[in-house]
């Protein structure tokens, strides 16, 4: 699984189906959790979620988030962000508790860091928003590169870009 390829596919599918707004862009985003050499997708059931969380417990893993913007005229921009996340050592009881919350559903790696899974995390090195699933700093940079940042829009009042 390649987060960038998935983000590109999502953006292109929406652009082909719905078009690209004249004053905006189409955004595709995707996130992958990488534990060692293994890419952890979305768990298929609670047992799969427990196995993923067990593999992540007490270890550091990478989270790769990617965005692709399609601007008017078919211009494309893309960014990939890699963040390291270290999980606390987890007991079977702790894993069962988290899986019981249901937050693991439809989440790469079986967890949502912005929710109860924050209790499972010992450390984050890099962009927290990338782990959530939308690397905001990378999105702002790409919007600016494509001339689509809010402060670069006609009639934006001449505001300066955030420092």
N, C-alpha and C. Protein backbone atom coordinates (compact mmCIF):
# COMPACT_ATOMS: atom_id res chain seq x y z
N UNK A 1 0.84 -1.18 0.00
CA UNK A 1 0.00 0.00 0.00
C UNK A 1 0.88 1.24 0.00
N UNK A 2 0.63 2.14 -0.89
CA UNK A 2 1.38 3.38 -1.01
C UNK A 2 0.41 4.53 -0.78
N UNK A 3 0.62 5.29 0.30
CA UNK A 3 -0.28 6.38 0.65
C UNK A 3 -0.37 7.42 -0.47
N UNK A 4 0.76 7.73 -1.09
CA UNK A 4 0.75 8.73 -2.15
C UNK A 4 -0.05 8.25 -3.36
N UNK A 5 0.14 7.01 -3.76
CA UNK A 5 -0.62 6.47 -4.89
C UNK A 5 -2.12 6.44 -4.57
N UNK A 6 -2.46 6.08 -3.34
CA UNK A 6 -3.88 6.07 -2.94
C UNK A 6 -4.46 7.47 -2.94
N UNK A 7 -3.71 8.45 -2.40
CA UNK A 7 -4.19 9.84 -2.38
C UNK A 7 -4.39 10.35 -3.81
N UNK A 8 -3.46 10.03 -4.69
CA UNK A 8 -3.56 10.45 -6.09
C UNK A 8 -4.80 9.83 -6.74
N UNK A 9 -5.01 8.54 -6.50
CA UNK A 9 -6.17 7.88 -7.07
C UNK A 9 -7.48 8.48 -6.58
N UNK A 10 -7.56 8.80 -5.29
CA UNK A 10 -8.77 9.43 -4.74
C UNK A 10 -9.02 10.79 -5.38
N UNK A 11 -7.97 11.62 -5.46
CA UNK A 11 -8.13 12.96 -6.03
C UNK A 11 -8.54 12.89 -7.49
N UNK A 12 -7.90 12.03 -8.25
CA UNK A 12 -8.22 11.93 -9.68
C UNK A 12 -9.63 11.39 -9.91
N UNK A 13 -10.05 10.46 -9.08
CA UNK A 13 -11.41 9.91 -9.23
C UNK A 13 -12.44 11.00 -8.98
N UNK A 14 -12.27 11.79 -7.93
CA UNK A 14 -13.21 12.87 -7.64
C UNK A 14 -13.17 13.93 -8.73
N UNK A 15 -11.97 14.31 -9.17
CA UNK A 15 -11.85 15.32 -10.22
C UNK A 15 -12.52 14.86 -11.51
N UNK A 16 -12.37 13.57 -11.84
CA UNK A 16 -12.99 13.05 -13.05
C UNK A 16 -14.51 13.01 -12.93
N UNK A 17 -14.99 12.68 -11.74
CA UNK A 17 -16.43 12.55 -11.52
C UNK A 17 -17.11 13.89 -11.33
N UNK A 18 -16.52 14.78 -10.53
CA UNK A 18 -17.18 16.02 -10.15
C UNK A 18 -16.56 17.27 -10.74
N UNK A 19 -15.37 17.15 -11.30
CA UNK A 19 -14.68 18.31 -11.84
C UNK A 19 -13.88 19.03 -10.77
N UNK A 20 -13.10 20.01 -11.20
CA UNK A 20 -12.28 20.81 -10.30
C UNK A 20 -12.89 22.20 -10.24
N UNK A 21 -13.20 22.70 -9.05
CA UNK A 21 -13.78 24.05 -8.97
C UNK A 21 -12.84 25.10 -9.55
N UNK A 22 -13.40 26.09 -10.23
CA UNK A 22 -12.58 27.11 -10.89
C UNK A 22 -11.74 27.90 -9.90
N UNK A 23 -12.21 28.03 -8.68
CA UNK A 23 -11.48 28.83 -7.68
C UNK A 23 -10.98 27.97 -6.53
N UNK A 24 -10.78 26.68 -6.77
CA UNK A 24 -10.37 25.79 -5.69
C UNK A 24 -9.55 24.63 -6.20
N UNK A 25 -9.68 23.52 -5.53
CA UNK A 25 -8.92 22.32 -5.89
C UNK A 25 -9.64 21.10 -5.35
N UNK A 26 -9.23 19.96 -5.83
CA UNK A 26 -9.69 18.68 -5.30
C UNK A 26 -8.55 18.10 -4.48
N UNK A 27 -8.87 17.63 -3.30
CA UNK A 27 -7.88 17.08 -2.39
C UNK A 27 -8.09 15.58 -2.22
N UNK A 28 -7.02 14.84 -2.35
CA UNK A 28 -7.01 13.42 -2.01
C UNK A 28 -5.99 13.22 -0.91
N UNK A 29 -6.32 12.40 0.08
CA UNK A 29 -5.40 12.15 1.19
C UNK A 29 -5.47 10.69 1.58
N UNK A 30 -4.35 10.18 2.07
CA UNK A 30 -4.33 8.80 2.55
C UNK A 30 -3.21 8.67 3.58
N UNK A 31 -3.38 7.69 4.47
CA UNK A 31 -2.42 7.46 5.54
C UNK A 31 -2.11 5.98 5.64
N UNK A 32 -0.84 5.67 5.87
CA UNK A 32 -0.40 4.29 6.06
C UNK A 32 0.39 4.20 7.36
N UNK A 33 0.20 3.11 8.08
CA UNK A 33 0.96 2.83 9.29
C UNK A 33 1.94 1.72 8.93
N UNK A 34 3.23 1.97 9.21
CA UNK A 34 4.27 1.02 8.82
C UNK A 34 4.99 0.54 10.07
N UNK A 35 4.88 -0.75 10.32
CA UNK A 35 5.49 -1.38 11.50
C UNK A 35 6.57 -2.34 10.99
N UNK A 36 7.83 -1.91 11.12
CA UNK A 36 8.91 -2.70 10.55
C UNK A 36 8.81 -2.67 9.04
N UNK A 37 8.71 -3.82 8.43
CA UNK A 37 8.56 -3.91 6.97
C UNK A 37 7.10 -4.08 6.56
N UNK A 38 6.22 -4.11 7.52
CA UNK A 38 4.81 -4.42 7.27
C UNK A 38 3.95 -3.17 7.27
N UNK A 39 3.14 -3.01 6.24
CA UNK A 39 2.17 -1.91 6.19
C UNK A 39 0.88 -2.43 6.80
N UNK A 40 0.41 -1.71 7.84
CA UNK A 40 -0.83 -2.10 8.51
C UNK A 40 -1.97 -1.31 7.91
N UNK A 41 -2.88 -1.99 7.30
CA UNK A 41 -4.06 -1.34 6.74
C UNK A 41 -5.12 -1.14 7.81
N UNK A 42 -6.36 -1.17 7.39
CA UNK A 42 -7.48 -1.05 8.32
C UNK A 42 -7.84 -2.45 8.79
N UNK A 43 -8.00 -2.65 10.09
CA UNK A 43 -8.34 -3.99 10.58
C UNK A 43 -9.70 -4.45 10.03
N UNK A 44 -9.79 -5.73 9.74
CA UNK A 44 -11.04 -6.28 9.21
C UNK A 44 -12.04 -6.61 10.31
N UNK A 45 -11.53 -6.85 11.52
CA UNK A 45 -12.40 -7.16 12.65
C UNK A 45 -11.65 -6.88 13.95
N UNK A 46 -12.33 -7.11 15.07
CA UNK A 46 -11.72 -6.82 16.38
C UNK A 46 -10.46 -7.65 16.63
N UNK A 47 -10.45 -8.89 16.20
CA UNK A 47 -9.27 -9.74 16.37
C UNK A 47 -8.08 -9.19 15.61
N UNK A 48 -8.32 -8.70 14.41
CA UNK A 48 -7.27 -8.10 13.60
C UNK A 48 -6.77 -6.82 14.27
N UNK A 49 -7.67 -6.03 14.81
CA UNK A 49 -7.28 -4.80 15.52
C UNK A 49 -6.41 -5.15 16.73
N UNK A 50 -6.79 -6.18 17.47
CA UNK A 50 -6.00 -6.59 18.64
C UNK A 50 -4.60 -7.02 18.22
N UNK A 51 -4.50 -7.74 17.12
CA UNK A 51 -3.19 -8.19 16.64
C UNK A 51 -2.33 -6.99 16.22
N UNK A 52 -2.92 -6.03 15.53
CA UNK A 52 -2.17 -4.84 15.12
C UNK A 52 -1.68 -4.06 16.33
N UNK A 53 -2.56 -3.82 17.29
CA UNK A 53 -2.17 -3.07 18.48
C UNK A 53 -1.11 -3.82 19.27
N UNK A 54 -1.20 -5.13 19.30
CA UNK A 54 -0.19 -5.94 19.97
C UNK A 54 1.16 -5.79 19.29
N UNK A 55 1.17 -5.71 17.96
CA UNK A 55 2.42 -5.53 17.23
C UNK A 55 3.01 -4.14 17.46
N UNK A 56 2.15 -3.14 17.67
CA UNK A 56 2.62 -1.77 17.87
C UNK A 56 3.04 -1.49 19.31
N UNK A 57 2.53 -2.28 20.24
CA UNK A 57 2.78 -2.06 21.67
C UNK A 57 4.27 -2.03 21.99
N UNK A 58 4.70 -0.97 22.67
CA UNK A 58 6.09 -0.86 23.11
C UNK A 58 7.10 -0.62 22.01
N UNK A 59 6.64 -0.29 20.81
CA UNK A 59 7.55 -0.11 19.68
C UNK A 59 7.32 1.24 19.01
N UNK A 60 8.26 1.58 18.15
CA UNK A 60 8.13 2.78 17.32
C UNK A 60 7.73 2.34 15.93
N UNK A 61 6.82 3.08 15.34
CA UNK A 61 6.41 2.80 13.97
C UNK A 61 6.31 4.12 13.21
N UNK A 62 6.22 4.02 11.91
CA UNK A 62 6.10 5.20 11.06
C UNK A 62 4.67 5.34 10.58
N UNK A 63 4.24 6.58 10.47
CA UNK A 63 2.95 6.89 9.85
C UNK A 63 3.26 7.78 8.67
N UNK A 64 2.85 7.35 7.51
CA UNK A 64 3.06 8.14 6.30
C UNK A 64 1.72 8.65 5.81
N UNK A 65 1.61 9.96 5.73
CA UNK A 65 0.40 10.59 5.18
C UNK A 65 0.78 11.32 3.91
N UNK A 66 -0.10 11.25 2.95
CA UNK A 66 0.15 11.89 1.66
C UNK A 66 -1.08 12.66 1.24
N UNK A 67 -0.82 13.77 0.55
CA UNK A 67 -1.91 14.55 -0.04
C UNK A 67 -1.59 14.80 -1.51
N UNK A 68 -2.64 14.89 -2.30
CA UNK A 68 -2.53 15.28 -3.70
C UNK A 68 -3.62 16.31 -3.95
N UNK A 69 -3.23 17.44 -4.51
CA UNK A 69 -4.17 18.49 -4.90
C UNK A 69 -4.22 18.56 -6.41
N UNK A 70 -5.43 18.64 -6.94
CA UNK A 70 -5.62 18.87 -8.37
C UNK A 70 -6.27 20.24 -8.49
N UNK A 71 -5.54 21.14 -9.14
CA UNK A 71 -5.97 22.52 -9.30
C UNK A 71 -6.60 22.72 -10.68
N UNK A 72 -7.23 23.87 -10.88
CA UNK A 72 -7.78 24.16 -12.21
C UNK A 72 -6.72 24.00 -13.30
N UNK A 73 -7.14 23.52 -14.43
CA UNK A 73 -6.21 23.28 -15.54
C UNK A 73 -5.48 21.95 -15.41
N UNK A 74 -5.85 21.15 -14.40
CA UNK A 74 -5.23 19.84 -14.23
C UNK A 74 -3.88 19.86 -13.54
N UNK A 75 -3.44 21.03 -13.05
CA UNK A 75 -2.17 21.08 -12.33
C UNK A 75 -2.29 20.23 -11.07
N UNK A 76 -1.24 19.45 -10.79
CA UNK A 76 -1.23 18.59 -9.61
C UNK A 76 -0.05 18.93 -8.72
N UNK A 77 -0.30 18.87 -7.43
CA UNK A 77 0.76 19.02 -6.45
C UNK A 77 0.62 17.91 -5.43
N UNK A 78 1.73 17.49 -4.87
CA UNK A 78 1.67 16.39 -3.92
C UNK A 78 2.70 16.58 -2.81
N UNK A 79 2.39 16.03 -1.66
CA UNK A 79 3.30 16.04 -0.52
C UNK A 79 3.15 14.71 0.21
N UNK A 80 4.26 14.30 0.79
CA UNK A 80 4.29 13.08 1.61
C UNK A 80 4.96 13.45 2.93
N UNK A 81 4.37 13.05 4.05
CA UNK A 81 4.90 13.37 5.37
C UNK A 81 5.05 12.08 6.16
N UNK A 82 6.22 11.91 6.77
CA UNK A 82 6.50 10.72 7.58
C UNK A 82 6.70 11.15 9.03
N UNK A 83 5.96 10.54 9.93
CA UNK A 83 6.01 10.85 11.36
C UNK A 83 6.28 9.56 12.12
N UNK A 84 7.07 9.64 13.16
CA UNK A 84 7.35 8.47 14.00
C UNK A 84 6.48 8.53 15.24
N UNK A 85 5.90 7.39 15.58
CA UNK A 85 5.04 7.27 16.75
C UNK A 85 5.54 6.10 17.59
N UNK A 86 5.70 6.32 18.88
CA UNK A 86 6.09 5.25 19.79
C UNK A 86 4.91 4.97 20.71
N UNK A 87 4.49 3.70 20.72
CA UNK A 87 3.43 3.25 21.62
C UNK A 87 4.02 2.86 22.97
N UNK A 88 3.25 3.06 24.01
CA UNK A 88 3.61 2.56 25.33
C UNK A 88 3.54 1.03 25.30
N UNK A 89 4.23 0.37 26.21
CA UNK A 89 3.98 -1.08 26.35
C UNK A 89 2.51 -1.26 26.76
N UNK A 90 1.83 -2.17 26.14
CA UNK A 90 0.40 -2.37 26.41
C UNK A 90 0.15 -3.77 26.95
N UNK A 91 -0.74 -3.86 27.89
CA UNK A 91 -1.17 -5.16 28.39
C UNK A 91 -2.34 -5.66 27.55
N UNK A 92 -2.65 -6.92 27.68
CA UNK A 92 -3.81 -7.47 26.98
C UNK A 92 -5.08 -6.74 27.42
N UNK A 93 -5.15 -6.38 28.69
CA UNK A 93 -6.33 -5.65 29.20
C UNK A 93 -6.43 -4.29 28.54
N UNK A 94 -5.30 -3.60 28.39
CA UNK A 94 -5.30 -2.29 27.73
C UNK A 94 -5.72 -2.38 26.28
N UNK A 95 -5.24 -3.39 25.59
CA UNK A 95 -5.61 -3.58 24.19
C UNK A 95 -7.10 -3.91 24.08
N UNK A 96 -7.58 -4.79 24.95
CA UNK A 96 -9.01 -5.13 24.93
C UNK A 96 -9.87 -3.91 25.22
N UNK A 97 -9.41 -3.07 26.17
CA UNK A 97 -10.16 -1.84 26.47
C UNK A 97 -10.28 -0.99 25.22
N UNK A 98 -9.14 -0.76 24.53
CA UNK A 98 -9.18 0.12 23.37
C UNK A 98 -10.03 -0.48 22.26
N UNK A 99 -9.86 -1.75 21.99
CA UNK A 99 -10.66 -2.38 20.93
C UNK A 99 -12.15 -2.29 21.28
N UNK A 100 -12.47 -2.39 22.57
CA UNK A 100 -13.86 -2.27 23.02
C UNK A 100 -14.47 -0.90 22.76
N UNK A 101 -13.64 0.13 22.58
CA UNK A 101 -14.17 1.46 22.28
C UNK A 101 -14.72 1.56 20.86
N UNK A 102 -14.26 0.68 19.98
CA UNK A 102 -14.68 0.72 18.59
C UNK A 102 -13.96 1.73 17.72
N UNK A 103 -13.06 2.51 18.32
CA UNK A 103 -12.35 3.53 17.55
C UNK A 103 -11.46 2.96 16.44
N UNK A 104 -11.08 1.72 16.56
CA UNK A 104 -10.18 1.09 15.60
C UNK A 104 -10.81 0.93 14.23
N UNK A 105 -12.13 0.96 14.17
CA UNK A 105 -12.82 0.72 12.90
C UNK A 105 -12.45 1.78 11.87
N UNK A 106 -12.12 1.33 10.67
CA UNK A 106 -11.82 2.19 9.53
C UNK A 106 -10.61 3.09 9.78
N UNK A 107 -9.63 2.60 10.57
CA UNK A 107 -8.42 3.36 10.90
C UNK A 107 -7.18 2.56 10.51
N UNK A 108 -6.31 3.18 9.75
CA UNK A 108 -5.04 2.53 9.42
C UNK A 108 -4.30 2.20 10.71
N UNK A 109 -3.82 0.99 10.82
CA UNK A 109 -3.10 0.56 12.02
C UNK A 109 -4.00 0.25 13.19
N UNK A 110 -5.29 0.48 13.04
CA UNK A 110 -6.24 0.13 14.08
C UNK A 110 -6.33 1.12 15.23
N UNK A 111 -5.91 2.38 15.01
CA UNK A 111 -6.04 3.35 16.10
C UNK A 111 -6.27 4.76 15.57
N UNK A 112 -6.88 5.58 16.42
CA UNK A 112 -7.14 6.99 16.13
C UNK A 112 -6.45 7.82 17.21
N UNK A 113 -5.30 8.38 16.88
CA UNK A 113 -4.49 9.10 17.87
C UNK A 113 -5.23 10.30 18.46
N UNK A 114 -6.16 10.88 17.72
CA UNK A 114 -6.89 12.05 18.20
C UNK A 114 -8.00 11.69 19.18
N UNK A 115 -8.19 10.41 19.40
CA UNK A 115 -9.22 9.95 20.33
C UNK A 115 -8.61 9.25 21.53
N UNK A 116 -9.23 8.18 21.93
CA UNK A 116 -8.76 7.45 23.11
C UNK A 116 -7.39 6.82 22.93
N UNK A 117 -6.99 6.61 21.70
CA UNK A 117 -5.66 6.02 21.45
C UNK A 117 -4.54 6.94 21.89
N UNK A 118 -4.83 8.20 22.16
CA UNK A 118 -3.80 9.09 22.70
C UNK A 118 -3.20 8.50 23.97
N UNK A 119 -4.00 7.73 24.71
CA UNK A 119 -3.51 7.09 25.94
C UNK A 119 -2.52 5.96 25.65
N UNK A 120 -2.48 5.48 24.43
CA UNK A 120 -1.59 4.39 24.05
C UNK A 120 -0.22 4.90 23.60
N UNK A 121 -0.14 6.19 23.33
CA UNK A 121 1.05 6.78 22.71
C UNK A 121 2.00 7.36 23.75
N UNK A 122 3.26 7.01 23.60
CA UNK A 122 4.31 7.54 24.47
C UNK A 122 4.94 8.80 23.88
N UNK A 123 5.11 8.81 22.54
CA UNK A 123 5.84 9.92 21.91
C UNK A 123 5.47 10.02 20.42
N UNK A 124 5.46 11.25 19.94
CA UNK A 124 5.29 11.52 18.51
C UNK A 124 6.44 12.41 18.07
N UNK A 125 7.13 12.01 17.01
CA UNK A 125 8.22 12.81 16.44
C UNK A 125 7.81 13.19 15.02
N UNK A 126 7.42 14.44 14.87
CA UNK A 126 6.99 14.91 13.56
C UNK A 126 5.64 15.58 13.65
N UNK A 127 4.90 15.51 12.56
CA UNK A 127 3.64 16.22 12.42
C UNK A 127 2.46 15.39 12.95
N UNK A 128 1.94 15.81 14.10
CA UNK A 128 0.80 15.14 14.72
C UNK A 128 -0.39 15.09 13.76
N UNK A 129 -0.64 16.18 13.02
CA UNK A 129 -1.81 16.19 12.12
C UNK A 129 -1.67 15.16 11.01
N UNK A 130 -0.45 14.80 10.67
CA UNK A 130 -0.25 13.75 9.67
C UNK A 130 -0.71 12.40 10.21
N UNK A 131 -0.50 12.17 11.51
CA UNK A 131 -0.94 10.92 12.12
C UNK A 131 -2.47 10.89 12.19
N UNK A 132 -3.08 12.04 12.43
CA UNK A 132 -4.54 12.13 12.43
C UNK A 132 -5.08 11.79 11.04
N UNK A 133 -4.33 12.15 9.99
CA UNK A 133 -4.74 11.79 8.64
C UNK A 133 -4.71 12.91 7.62
N UNK A 134 -4.48 14.15 8.07
CA UNK A 134 -4.38 15.26 7.13
C UNK A 134 -3.23 16.16 7.56
N UNK A 135 -2.09 16.04 6.91
CA UNK A 135 -0.93 16.85 7.29
C UNK A 135 -1.15 18.32 6.91
N UNK A 136 -1.63 19.09 7.87
CA UNK A 136 -2.07 20.46 7.61
C UNK A 136 -0.94 21.34 7.09
N UNK A 137 0.24 21.28 7.70
CA UNK A 137 1.36 22.11 7.24
C UNK A 137 1.70 21.80 5.79
N UNK A 138 1.73 20.54 5.43
CA UNK A 138 2.02 20.15 4.04
C UNK A 138 0.92 20.64 3.10
N UNK A 139 -0.32 20.57 3.55
CA UNK A 139 -1.45 21.05 2.74
C UNK A 139 -1.32 22.55 2.49
N UNK A 140 -1.02 23.32 3.52
CA UNK A 140 -0.87 24.77 3.37
C UNK A 140 0.28 25.08 2.41
N UNK A 141 1.39 24.37 2.54
CA UNK A 141 2.53 24.58 1.65
C UNK A 141 2.16 24.29 0.20
N UNK A 142 1.44 23.20 -0.01
CA UNK A 142 1.07 22.83 -1.38
C UNK A 142 0.06 23.81 -1.95
N UNK A 143 -0.89 24.26 -1.14
CA UNK A 143 -1.84 25.28 -1.60
C UNK A 143 -1.09 26.54 -2.04
N UNK A 144 -0.10 26.95 -1.23
CA UNK A 144 0.68 28.13 -1.57
C UNK A 144 1.46 27.91 -2.87
N UNK A 145 2.06 26.74 -3.02
CA UNK A 145 2.82 26.45 -4.24
C UNK A 145 1.94 26.51 -5.49
N UNK A 146 0.68 26.13 -5.34
CA UNK A 146 -0.25 26.15 -6.47
C UNK A 146 -0.96 27.49 -6.62
N UNK A 147 -0.63 28.46 -5.74
CA UNK A 147 -1.27 29.77 -5.79
C UNK A 147 -2.69 29.76 -5.28
N UNK A 148 -3.03 28.79 -4.43
CA UNK A 148 -4.39 28.64 -3.94
C UNK A 148 -4.54 28.91 -2.44
N UNK A 149 -3.48 29.35 -1.80
CA UNK A 149 -3.57 29.64 -0.37
C UNK A 149 -4.54 30.81 -0.17
N UNK A 150 -5.30 30.80 0.92
CA UNK A 150 -6.30 31.86 1.14
C UNK A 150 -5.71 33.26 1.06
N UNK A 151 -4.49 33.45 1.51
CA UNK A 151 -3.89 34.78 1.49
C UNK A 151 -3.38 35.18 0.11
N UNK A 152 -3.38 34.23 -0.84
CA UNK A 152 -2.93 34.56 -2.19
C UNK A 152 -4.10 34.72 -3.15
N UNK A 153 -5.32 34.55 -2.64
CA UNK A 153 -6.50 34.64 -3.50
C UNK A 153 -6.83 36.10 -3.82
N UNK A 154 -7.33 36.39 -5.01
CA UNK A 154 -7.75 37.76 -5.34
C UNK A 154 -8.79 38.23 -4.34
N UNK A 155 -8.65 39.47 -3.89
CA UNK A 155 -9.60 40.02 -2.92
C UNK A 155 -9.37 39.57 -1.51
N UNK A 156 -8.22 38.94 -1.23
CA UNK A 156 -7.95 38.45 0.12
C UNK A 156 -7.55 39.58 1.06
N UNK A 157 -7.48 40.79 0.57
CA UNK A 157 -7.20 41.92 1.44
C UNK A 157 -5.71 42.16 1.68
N UNK A 158 -4.86 41.50 0.91
CA UNK A 158 -3.43 41.74 1.02
C UNK A 158 -2.80 41.19 2.28
N UNK A 159 -3.49 40.29 2.98
CA UNK A 159 -2.89 39.71 4.18
C UNK A 159 -1.61 38.99 3.82
N UNK A 160 -0.71 38.99 4.73
CA UNK A 160 0.54 38.28 4.54
C UNK A 160 0.36 36.82 4.93
N UNK A 161 1.16 35.97 4.35
CA UNK A 161 1.17 34.55 4.71
C UNK A 161 1.58 34.41 6.16
N UNK A 162 1.03 33.41 6.86
CA UNK A 162 1.44 33.19 8.25
C UNK A 162 2.95 32.95 8.32
N UNK A 163 3.55 33.48 9.37
CA UNK A 163 5.00 33.30 9.56
C UNK A 163 5.30 31.96 10.17
